[in-house]
Amino acid sequence: MKGIWGEFKAFALGGNMLDLALGFIIGTAFAGLVDSLAGDVIMQFVAAVFGQPDFSTLTFTLNGSEIRYGAFLTVVINFLLLAAVLFGLVKLLKRAGLGNFKAQGSRECPHCKEFVAIDATKCKYCTADIDPVVADEDESPQIATEKRVAE
């Protein structure tokens, strides 16, 4: 029984579990902040232009059924606004040098065929020097890898 308790403590209080919990809590708070910015600030500008903060009252009737396309339109606009706000915040944080925006992904070492980080300069398996893949500012690491493989 003590062995199981020790294993559970190691699991529940381990670094990965605490990191995950803290990331979830901070992510939830950040989501609330972004949601408030989009809903309480940006959507109010939409209300100033269109006369209402959402379009949920827009409906039409088809064979006696009410089709509420305005509610769908409001959700789509909220999604696009949240995505735009998040994109702007990430660009701002990246420009300010805050946050960890390292290249993500892996690629195959040309010498030993093991997978290494996409921006690695030396293979951690065979220790061969390899050219790092540098993505353009607007490219994802996957696109840069595909371009590199094609060359």
C-alpha atoms as a PDB file:
ATOM      1  CA  MET A   1       0.000   0.000   0.000  1.00  0.00           C
ATOM      2  CA  LYS A   2       2.881   2.383   0.781  1.00  0.00           C
ATOM      3  CA  GLY A   3       4.338   1.679  -2.664  1.00  0.00           C
ATOM      4  CA  ILE A   4       1.129   2.691  -4.386  1.00  0.00           C
ATOM      5  CA  TRP A   5       0.863   5.850  -2.253  1.00  0.00           C
ATOM      6  CA  GLY A   6       4.463   6.763  -3.106  1.00  0.00           C
ATOM      7  CA  GLU A   7       3.835   6.243  -6.806  1.00  0.00           C
ATOM      8  CA  PHE A   8       0.668   8.328  -6.640  1.00  0.00           C
ATOM      9  CA  LYS A   9       2.482  11.163  -4.831  1.00  0.00           C
ATOM     10  CA  ALA A  10       5.258  11.093  -7.412  1.00  0.00           C
ATOM     11  CA  PHE A  11       2.672  11.224 -10.205  1.00  0.00           C
ATOM     12  CA  ALA A  12       0.400  13.883  -8.682  1.00  0.00           C
ATOM     13  CA  LEU A  13       3.174  16.146  -7.445  1.00  0.00           C
ATOM     14  CA  GLY A  14       5.608  15.511 -10.277  1.00  0.00           C
ATOM     15  CA  GLY A  15       6.928  18.382 -12.344  1.00  0.00           C
ATOM     16  CA  ASN A  16       4.964  17.542 -15.465  1.00  0.00           C
ATOM     17  CA  MET A  17       1.637  17.381 -13.618  1.00  0.00           C
ATOM     18  CA  LEU A  18       2.233  20.685 -11.830  1.00  0.00           C
ATOM     19  CA  ASP A  19       3.384  22.327 -15.065  1.00  0.00           C
ATOM     20  CA  LEU A  20       0.240  21.101 -16.781  1.00  0.00           C
ATOM     21  CA  ALA A  21      -1.983  22.375 -13.952  1.00  0.00           C
ATOM     22  CA  LEU A  22      -0.317  25.792 -13.898  1.00  0.00           C
ATOM     23  CA  GLY A  23      -0.489  26.025 -17.679  1.00  0.00           C
ATOM     24  CA  PHE A  24      -4.189  25.175 -17.603  1.00  0.00           C
ATOM     25  CA  ILE A  25      -4.921  27.780 -14.909  1.00  0.00           C
ATOM     26  CA  ILE A  26      -2.948  30.506 -16.674  1.00  0.00           C
ATOM     27  CA  GLY A  27      -4.493  29.508 -20.017  1.00  0.00           C
ATOM     28  CA  THR A  28      -7.991  29.760 -18.553  1.00  0.00           C
ATOM     29  CA  ALA A  29      -7.274  33.210 -17.128  1.00  0.00           C
ATOM     30  CA  PHE A  30      -5.728  34.320 -20.423  1.00  0.00           C
ATOM     31  CA  ALA A  31      -8.737  32.994 -22.343  1.00  0.00           C
ATOM     32  CA  GLY A  32     -11.013  35.079 -20.114  1.00  0.00           C
ATOM     33  CA  LEU A  33      -8.894  38.142 -20.804  1.00  0.00           C
ATOM     34  CA  VAL A  34      -8.939  37.638 -24.577  1.00  0.00           C
ATOM     35  CA  ASP A  35     -12.666  36.811 -24.525  1.00  0.00           C
ATOM     36  CA  SER A  36     -13.372  40.022 -22.610  1.00  0.00           C
ATOM     37  CA  LEU A  37     -11.277  42.063 -25.023  1.00  0.00           C
ATOM     38  CA  ALA A  38     -13.105  40.605 -28.016  1.00  0.00           C
ATOM     39  CA  GLY A  39     -16.591  40.685 -26.485  1.00  0.00           C
ATOM     40  CA  ASP A  40     -16.529  43.816 -24.342  1.00  0.00           C
ATOM     41  CA  VAL A  41     -14.343  46.052 -26.462  1.00  0.00           C
ATOM     42  CA  ILE A  42     -14.193  44.940 -30.085  1.00  0.00           C
ATOM     43  CA  MET A  43     -17.792  43.692 -30.341  1.00  0.00           C
ATOM     44  CA  GLN A  44     -18.932  47.040 -28.934  1.00  0.00           C
ATOM     45  CA  PHE A  45     -17.283  48.666 -31.935  1.00  0.00           C
ATOM     46  CA  VAL A  46     -19.290  46.259 -34.100  1.00  0.00           C
ATOM     47  CA  ALA A  47     -22.392  47.368 -32.192  1.00  0.00           C
ATOM     48  CA  ALA A  48     -21.541  51.009 -32.887  1.00  0.00           C
ATOM     49  CA  VAL A  49     -21.291  50.282 -36.623  1.00  0.00           C
ATOM     50  CA  PHE A  50     -24.225  47.856 -37.040  1.00  0.00           C
ATOM     51  CA  GLY A  51     -26.447  49.073 -34.187  1.00  0.00           C
ATOM     52  CA  GLN A  52     -26.404  45.878 -32.095  1.00  0.00           C
ATOM     53  CA  PRO A  53     -23.650  43.926 -30.300  1.00  0.00           C
ATOM     54  CA  ASP A  54     -24.747  40.608 -31.772  1.00  0.00           C
ATOM     55  CA  PHE A  55     -26.881  39.316 -34.575  1.00  0.00           C
ATOM     56  CA  SER A  56     -28.808  36.650 -32.661  1.00  0.00           C
ATOM     57  CA  THR A  57     -32.137  38.287 -33.490  1.00  0.00           C
ATOM     58  CA  LEU A  58     -31.650  37.676 -37.227  1.00  0.00           C
ATOM     59  CA  THR A  59     -33.862  34.762 -38.261  1.00  0.00           C
ATOM     60  CA  PHE A  60     -35.980  33.500 -41.102  1.00  0.00           C
ATOM     61  CA  THR A  61     -38.735  30.897 -41.215  1.00  0.00           C
ATOM     62  CA  LEU A  62     -38.679  27.901 -43.526  1.00  0.00           C
ATOM     63  CA  ASN A  63     -41.619  25.446 -43.489  1.00  0.00           C
ATOM     64  CA  GLY A  64     -42.617  26.618 -40.017  1.00  0.00           C
ATOM     65  CA  SER A  65     -39.107  26.198 -38.563  1.00  0.00           C
ATOM     66  CA  GLU A  66     -37.181  29.207 -37.345  1.00  0.00           C
ATOM     67  CA  ILE A  67     -33.643  29.316 -38.739  1.00  0.00           C
ATOM     68  CA  ARG A  68     -31.496  31.434 -36.431  1.00  0.00           C
ATOM     69  CA  TYR A  69     -28.639  32.293 -38.777  1.00  0.00           C
ATOM     70  CA  GLY A  70     -27.852  35.426 -36.761  1.00  0.00           C
ATOM     71  CA  ALA A  71     -26.721  33.368 -33.755  1.00  0.00           C
ATOM     72  CA  PHE A  72     -24.355  31.420 -36.019  1.00  0.00           C
ATOM     73  CA  LEU A  73     -23.093  34.656 -37.562  1.00  0.00           C
ATOM     74  CA  THR A  74     -22.383  36.036 -34.065  1.00  0.00           C
ATOM     75  CA  VAL A  75     -20.395  32.923 -33.115  1.00  0.00           C
ATOM     76  CA  VAL A  76     -18.384  33.120 -36.355  1.00  0.00           C
ATOM     77  CA  ILE A  77     -17.585  36.797 -35.778  1.00  0.00           C
ATOM     78  CA  ASN A  78     -16.619  36.105 -32.149  1.00  0.00           C
ATOM     79  CA  PHE A  79     -14.308  33.298 -33.304  1.00  0.00           C
ATOM     80  CA  LEU A  80     -12.660  35.487 -35.934  1.00  0.00           C
ATOM     81  CA  LEU A  81     -12.222  38.325 -33.447  1.00  0.00           C
ATOM     82  CA  LEU A  82     -10.691  36.002 -30.840  1.00  0.00           C
ATOM     83  CA  ALA A  83      -8.335  34.560 -33.451  1.00  0.00           C
ATOM     84  CA  ALA A  84      -7.318  38.049 -34.596  1.00  0.00           C
ATOM     85  CA  VAL A  85      -6.743  39.226 -31.013  1.00  0.00           C
ATOM     86  CA  LEU A  86      -4.642  36.146 -30.205  1.00  0.00           C
ATOM     87  CA  PHE A  87      -2.658  36.567 -33.426  1.00  0.00           C
ATOM     88  CA  GLY A  88      -1.993  40.218 -32.569  1.00  0.00           C
ATOM     89  CA  LEU A  89      -0.949  39.368 -29.010  1.00  0.00           C
ATOM     90  CA  VAL A  90       1.452  36.658 -30.161  1.00  0.00           C
ATOM     91  CA  LYS A  91       2.988  38.992 -32.750  1.00  0.00           C
ATOM     92  CA  LEU A  92       3.319  41.707 -30.089  1.00  0.00           C
ATOM     93  CA  LEU A  93       4.911  39.345 -27.561  1.00  0.00           C
ATOM     94  CA  LYS A  94       7.264  37.983 -30.209  1.00  0.00           C
ATOM     95  CA  ARG A  95       8.317  41.480 -31.253  1.00  0.00           C
ATOM     96  CA  ALA A  96       8.882  42.461 -27.606  1.00  0.00           C
ATOM     97  CA  GLY A  97      11.067  39.382 -27.108  1.00  0.00           C
ATOM     98  CA  LEU A  98       8.778  37.881 -24.484  1.00  0.00           C
ATOM     99  CA  GLY A  99       7.693  34.272 -24.410  1.00  0.00           C
ATOM    100  CA  ASN A 100       9.245  31.112 -25.757  1.00  0.00           C
ATOM    101  CA  PHE A 101       8.786  31.033 -29.518  1.00  0.00           C
ATOM    102  CA  LYS A 102      11.315  28.396 -30.480  1.00  0.00           C
ATOM    103  CA  ALA A 103      10.865  26.401 -33.650  1.00  0.00           C
ATOM    104  CA  GLN A 104       8.620  23.403 -33.158  1.00  0.00           C
ATOM    105  CA  GLY A 105       8.878  20.065 -34.851  1.00  0.00           C
ATOM    106  CA  SER A 106      11.561  17.668 -35.927  1.00  0.00           C
ATOM    107  CA  ARG A 107      13.347  16.581 -39.036  1.00  0.00           C
ATOM    108  CA  GLU A 108      15.467  13.652 -40.066  1.00  0.00           C
ATOM    109  CA  CYS A 109      19.247  13.787 -39.685  1.00  0.00           C
ATOM    110  CA  PRO A 110      20.731  13.283 -43.169  1.00  0.00           C
ATOM    111  CA  HIS A 111      23.502  11.096 -41.734  1.00  0.00           C
ATOM    112  CA  CYS A 112      21.912   8.690 -39.229  1.00  0.00           C
ATOM    113  CA  LYS A 113      18.219   9.162 -40.162  1.00  0.00           C
ATOM    114  CA  GLU A 114      17.180   9.820 -36.526  1.00  0.00           C
ATOM    115  CA  PHE A 115      14.784  12.675 -35.802  1.00  0.00           C
ATOM    116  CA  VAL A 116      16.260  15.844 -34.299  1.00  0.00           C
ATOM    117  CA  ALA A 117      14.855  19.301 -33.515  1.00  0.00           C
ATOM    118  CA  ILE A 118      14.077  21.333 -36.600  1.00  0.00           C
ATOM    119  CA  ASP A 119      16.555  24.081 -35.661  1.00  0.00           C
ATOM    120  CA  ALA A 120      19.362  21.741 -34.491  1.00  0.00           C
ATOM    121  CA  THR A 121      22.902  22.376 -35.718  1.00  0.00           C
ATOM    122  CA  LYS A 122      24.316  19.070 -34.436  1.00  0.00           C
ATOM    123  CA  CYS A 123      22.639  15.666 -34.358  1.00  0.00           C
ATOM    124  CA  LYS A 124      22.270  14.437 -30.788  1.00  0.00           C
ATOM    125  CA  TYR A 125      22.565  10.812 -31.941  1.00  0.00           C
ATOM    126  CA  CYS A 126      25.518  10.712 -34.345  1.00  0.00           C
ATOM    127  CA  THR A 127      26.954  14.183 -33.421  1.00  0.00           C
ATOM    128  CA  ALA A 128      27.262  15.147 -37.089  1.00  0.00           C
ATOM    129  CA  ASP A 129      27.045  18.825 -37.958  1.00  0.00           C
ATOM    130  CA  ILE A 130      23.795  19.590 -39.778  1.00  0.00           C
ATOM    131  CA  ASP A 131      22.421  22.733 -41.327  1.00  0.00           C
ATOM    132  CA  PRO A 132      19.523  24.148 -39.309  1.00  0.00           C
ATOM    133  CA  VAL A 133      16.265  24.831 -41.119  1.00  0.00           C
ATOM    134  CA  VAL A 134      15.400  28.479 -40.712  1.00  0.00           C
ATOM    135  CA  ALA A 135      11.780  29.299 -41.488  1.00  0.00           C
ATOM    136  CA  ASP A 136      10.853  32.639 -42.923  1.00  0.00           C
ATOM    137  CA  GLU A 137       8.936  34.935 -40.587  1.00  0.00           C
ATOM    138  CA  ASP A 138       5.613  34.016 -42.185  1.00  0.00           C
ATOM    139  CA  GLU A 139       6.273  30.285 -42.697  1.00  0.00           C
ATOM    140  CA  SER A 140       5.514  27.478 -40.339  1.00  0.00           C
ATOM    141  CA  PRO A 141       8.344  25.052 -39.503  1.00  0.00           C
ATOM    142  CA  GLN A 142       6.524  22.320 -41.430  1.00  0.00           C
ATOM    143  CA  ILE A 143       6.553  24.389 -44.621  1.00  0.00           C
ATOM    144  CA  ALA A 144      10.237  25.187 -44.139  1.00  0.00           C
ATOM    145  CA  THR A 145      10.999  21.492 -43.680  1.00  0.00           C
ATOM    146  CA  GLU A 146       9.097  20.590 -46.827  1.00  0.00           C
ATOM    147  CA  LYS A 147      10.955  23.301 -48.739  1.00  0.00           C
ATOM    148  CA  ARG A 148      14.300  22.018 -47.434  1.00  0.00           C
ATOM    149  CA  VAL A 149      13.503  18.421 -48.375  1.00  0.00           C
ATOM    150  CA  ALA A 150      12.436  19.512 -51.865  1.00  0.00           C
ATOM    151  CA  GLU A 151      15.760  21.328 -52.469  1.00  0.00           C
END
